[in-house]
Amino acid sequence: MWTTRLLFFACSVATASCCVLATSADHSWAQPGRTMAIDDQPGVVPNPREEQLPAAFQRQAVFYRTNEPPGTIIVDTADRYLYLVQGNNRAIRYGIGVGREGFQWQGLLKVTKKAEWPDWTPPPEMIQRQPYLPRFMAGGPGNPMGARALYLGATIYRIHGTNQPHTIGSAVSSGCFRLVNDDVADLYGRVPVGTKVVVRQRPTL
């Protein structure tokens, strides 16, 4: 059994959800280190052009030195990347959206469940902030959870898709990690339940 070690930097995660918290829309492409403020948009289905990421966040094979074994997922929260270790100092790199300030964490977990087109049930705290949200939304192209989800340990956190591809590269969520749907489907097909997931923060001096 992997030991779960989560360090929370503000706010109780008991009330957290994995979707966007703030209130003003901004559809410009994200920049590394940027925090975006945008509402959830249930029912919005992005078109293929919107899902074309800038080169820096496109899925690609990269040089990546690590002591972790092949098959490990490493989440680099600070740089907005997820790496799937391939061995021989190589990895597949995906651009991601991460938790905004107060909802970032680090730790060692395993993938405990996988789901295709997962349903979405916003928690009461999110309904209070965004009263227009549905109380339940079945999985589908307009669902904020996107095309696939990987559930992390016994936590509320997931690696999942999104119907807001313009948020990739930004700090937007309440602690989950989002990829565009094509990328999360690719990752989903490569990793089994039981995969080791390492979530890293940049050290603070």
Protein backbone atom coordinates (compact mmCIF):
# COMPACT_ATOMS: atom_id res chain seq x y z
CA MET A 1 0.00 0.00 0.00
CA TRP A 2 1.24 3.43 -0.88
CA THR A 3 1.18 5.89 1.97
CA THR A 4 -0.88 8.94 1.17
CA ARG A 5 0.85 12.18 2.13
CA LEU A 6 -1.17 15.25 1.26
CA LEU A 7 -0.11 18.74 2.25
CA PHE A 8 -2.88 21.30 1.98
CA PHE A 9 -1.92 24.96 1.86
CA ALA A 10 -5.27 26.61 2.65
CA CYS A 11 -8.96 25.83 3.02
CA SER A 12 -10.45 22.48 3.99
CA VAL A 13 -10.56 19.98 1.14
CA ALA A 14 -13.75 18.53 2.54
CA THR A 15 -15.62 21.23 0.67
CA ALA A 16 -13.52 21.23 -2.46
CA SER A 17 -14.57 20.20 -5.96
CA CYS A 18 -12.46 19.73 -9.05
CA CYS A 19 -13.93 22.45 -11.17
CA VAL A 20 -13.48 26.19 -11.53
CA LEU A 21 -14.29 28.51 -8.66
CA ALA A 22 -14.30 32.13 -9.78
CA THR A 23 -16.71 34.36 -11.60
CA SER A 24 -15.47 36.12 -14.72
CA ALA A 25 -14.87 34.43 -18.08
CA ASP A 26 -11.58 34.75 -19.95
CA HIS A 27 -11.18 32.65 -23.08
CA SER A 28 -7.62 33.68 -23.94
CA TRP A 29 -5.04 30.91 -23.88
CA ALA A 30 -3.42 30.26 -20.56
CA GLN A 31 0.17 31.16 -19.75
CA PRO A 32 2.38 29.15 -17.38
CA GLY A 33 1.93 30.34 -13.81
CA ARG A 34 -1.35 32.07 -14.55
CA THR A 35 -4.46 31.80 -12.41
CA MET A 36 -7.66 32.03 -14.44
CA ALA A 37 -11.01 33.27 -13.19
CA ILE A 38 -13.89 31.61 -15.01
CA ASP A 39 -17.19 29.96 -14.18
CA ASP A 40 -17.96 26.33 -14.85
CA GLN A 41 -19.80 25.89 -18.13
CA PRO A 42 -21.89 22.70 -17.99
CA GLY A 43 -23.37 21.86 -21.36
CA VAL A 44 -20.78 23.76 -23.39
CA VAL A 45 -19.14 21.52 -25.98
CA PRO A 46 -15.81 22.83 -27.31
CA ASN A 47 -15.21 22.63 -31.03
CA PRO A 48 -12.11 20.91 -32.46
CA ARG A 49 -10.36 24.23 -33.06
CA GLU A 50 -10.75 25.19 -29.39
CA GLU A 51 -9.15 21.92 -28.37
CA GLN A 52 -5.96 22.64 -30.34
CA LEU A 53 -3.45 23.50 -27.64
CA PRO A 54 -0.46 25.83 -28.05
CA ALA A 55 2.73 23.94 -28.86
CA ALA A 56 4.03 24.21 -25.30
CA PHE A 57 1.07 22.23 -23.94
CA GLN A 58 0.61 19.68 -26.71
CA ARG A 59 1.14 16.02 -25.91
CA GLN A 60 4.66 14.98 -26.88
CA ALA A 61 7.54 12.67 -26.05
CA VAL A 62 10.28 14.49 -24.14
CA PHE A 63 13.59 13.91 -22.40
CA TYR A 64 12.81 13.48 -18.69
CA ARG A 65 15.25 12.29 -16.06
CA THR A 66 13.70 10.55 -13.05
CA ASN A 67 14.31 7.65 -10.71
CA GLU A 68 10.65 6.64 -10.92
CA PRO A 69 9.94 3.40 -12.83
CA PRO A 70 8.24 3.30 -16.23
CA GLY A 71 4.48 3.64 -15.99
CA THR A 72 4.59 6.19 -13.16
CA ILE A 73 2.56 9.40 -13.49
CA ILE A 74 4.37 12.51 -12.25
CA VAL A 75 2.38 15.75 -11.90
CA ASP A 76 4.47 18.93 -11.99
CA THR A 77 2.01 21.44 -10.57
CA ALA A 78 4.29 24.47 -10.85
CA ASP A 79 5.00 24.03 -14.56
CA ARG A 80 1.51 22.70 -15.48
CA TYR A 81 2.66 19.37 -16.88
CA LEU A 82 1.85 15.72 -16.31
CA TYR A 83 4.51 13.16 -17.25
CA LEU A 84 3.98 9.47 -17.96
CA VAL A 85 7.40 7.89 -17.45
CA GLN A 86 8.55 5.67 -20.34
CA GLY A 87 12.03 4.69 -19.19
CA ASN A 88 15.45 5.48 -20.66
CA ASN A 89 15.07 9.14 -19.62
CA ARG A 90 11.94 9.57 -21.74
CA ALA A 91 8.36 10.47 -20.87
CA ILE A 92 5.12 11.46 -22.53
CA ARG A 93 4.30 15.01 -21.45
CA TYR A 94 0.78 16.43 -21.28
CA GLY A 95 -0.29 20.02 -20.62
CA ILE A 96 -2.66 20.31 -17.64
CA GLY A 97 -4.71 22.70 -15.56
CA VAL A 98 -4.05 22.54 -11.81
CA GLY A 99 -5.48 23.69 -8.49
CA ARG A 100 -5.59 27.42 -7.85
CA GLU A 101 -3.98 29.02 -4.81
CA GLY A 102 -5.30 27.46 -1.62
CA PHE A 103 -6.16 24.17 -3.34
CA GLN A 104 -2.75 22.88 -4.39
CA TRP A 105 -1.22 19.82 -2.75
CA GLN A 106 1.53 17.26 -3.09
CA GLY A 107 1.73 13.58 -2.29
CA LEU A 108 2.04 9.98 -3.39
CA LEU A 109 -1.08 8.10 -4.47
CA LYS A 110 -2.33 5.33 -6.74
CA VAL A 111 -5.02 5.27 -9.41
CA THR A 112 -7.84 3.42 -7.66
CA LYS A 113 -10.58 3.71 -10.28
CA LYS A 114 -11.06 4.62 -13.93
CA ALA A 115 -14.21 5.93 -15.60
CA GLU A 116 -15.26 6.82 -19.14
CA TRP A 117 -17.49 9.92 -19.49
CA PRO A 118 -17.90 10.24 -15.70
CA ASP A 119 -20.99 11.84 -14.15
CA TRP A 120 -20.69 15.12 -12.25
CA THR A 121 -22.39 15.98 -8.95
CA PRO A 122 -21.34 19.47 -7.78
CA PRO A 123 -21.03 19.62 -3.96
CA PRO A 124 -23.32 21.93 -1.95
CA GLU A 125 -20.53 24.48 -1.47
CA MET A 126 -20.11 24.85 -5.22
CA ILE A 127 -23.88 25.14 -5.70
CA GLN A 128 -23.83 27.97 -3.16
CA ARG A 129 -21.14 29.80 -5.13
CA GLN A 130 -22.70 29.07 -8.51
CA PRO A 131 -26.46 28.53 -8.01
CA TYR A 132 -27.10 28.00 -11.72
CA LEU A 133 -25.16 24.71 -11.76
CA PRO A 134 -27.08 21.45 -12.19
CA ARG A 135 -27.38 19.24 -9.12
CA PHE A 136 -26.36 16.28 -11.25
CA MET A 137 -25.06 15.97 -14.79
CA ALA A 138 -24.65 12.71 -16.66
CA GLY A 139 -21.38 12.12 -18.45
CA GLY A 140 -21.06 13.47 -21.97
CA PRO A 141 -19.23 16.00 -24.17
CA GLY A 142 -20.62 19.00 -22.26
CA ASN A 143 -19.77 17.62 -18.82
CA PRO A 144 -17.03 19.56 -16.96
CA MET A 145 -15.43 16.22 -16.01
CA GLY A 146 -14.66 15.52 -19.65
CA ALA A 147 -14.15 12.23 -21.45
CA ARG A 148 -12.25 10.20 -18.85
CA ALA A 149 -11.35 10.26 -15.15
CA LEU A 150 -8.63 8.61 -13.09
CA TYR A 151 -9.50 8.59 -9.38
CA LEU A 152 -6.61 9.14 -6.97
CA GLY A 153 -6.46 7.04 -3.83
CA ALA A 154 -9.33 7.56 -1.39
CA THR A 155 -9.27 11.34 -1.97
CA ILE A 156 -11.74 13.57 -3.82
CA TYR A 157 -9.08 14.28 -6.44
CA ARG A 158 -9.01 13.07 -10.04
CA ILE A 159 -7.11 13.43 -13.26
CA HIS A 160 -9.88 14.16 -15.74
CA GLY A 161 -10.87 15.79 -19.01
CA THR A 162 -12.54 19.14 -19.47
CA ASN A 163 -15.03 21.02 -21.62
CA GLN A 164 -12.89 24.18 -21.12
CA PRO A 165 -9.70 23.48 -23.09
CA HIS A 166 -8.59 27.12 -22.84
CA THR A 167 -7.88 26.56 -19.12
CA ILE A 168 -4.99 24.17 -19.79
CA GLY A 169 -1.79 25.70 -18.44
CA SER A 170 -3.52 27.63 -15.67
CA ALA A 171 -4.35 27.27 -11.98
CA VAL A 172 -8.12 26.92 -12.15
CA SER A 173 -9.47 24.01 -10.11
CA SER A 174 -10.04 22.94 -6.52
CA GLY A 175 -7.24 20.41 -6.59
CA CYS A 176 -7.91 18.09 -9.55
CA PHE A 177 -5.79 17.97 -12.70
CA ARG A 178 -7.47 18.51 -16.07
CA LEU A 179 -6.38 17.63 -19.60
CA VAL A 180 -8.07 18.18 -22.94
CA ASN A 181 -10.28 15.24 -23.80
CA ASP A 182 -8.00 13.75 -26.46
CA ASP A 183 -5.10 13.77 -24.02
CA VAL A 184 -6.99 12.31 -21.07
CA ALA A 185 -8.33 9.55 -23.34
CA ASP A 186 -4.75 8.82 -24.45
CA LEU A 187 -3.51 8.70 -20.85
CA TYR A 188 -6.50 6.60 -19.79
CA GLY A 189 -5.62 3.97 -22.37
CA ARG A 190 -2.00 3.77 -21.20
CA VAL A 191 -2.36 3.38 -17.43
CA PRO A 192 -4.08 0.65 -15.38
CA VAL A 193 -5.68 0.83 -11.96
CA GLY A 194 -2.85 0.69 -9.44
CA THR A 195 -0.61 3.14 -11.30
CA LYS A 196 1.65 5.17 -9.02
CA VAL A 197 0.97 8.93 -9.09
CA VAL A 198 3.50 11.43 -7.72
CA VAL A 199 2.25 15.01 -7.29
CA ARG A 200 5.03 17.58 -6.87
CA GLN A 201 5.20 21.22 -5.90
CA ARG A 202 8.15 23.48 -6.50
CA PRO A 203 10.05 23.87 -3.20
CA THR A 204 9.45 27.15 -1.40
CA LEU A 205 12.50 28.81 0.13
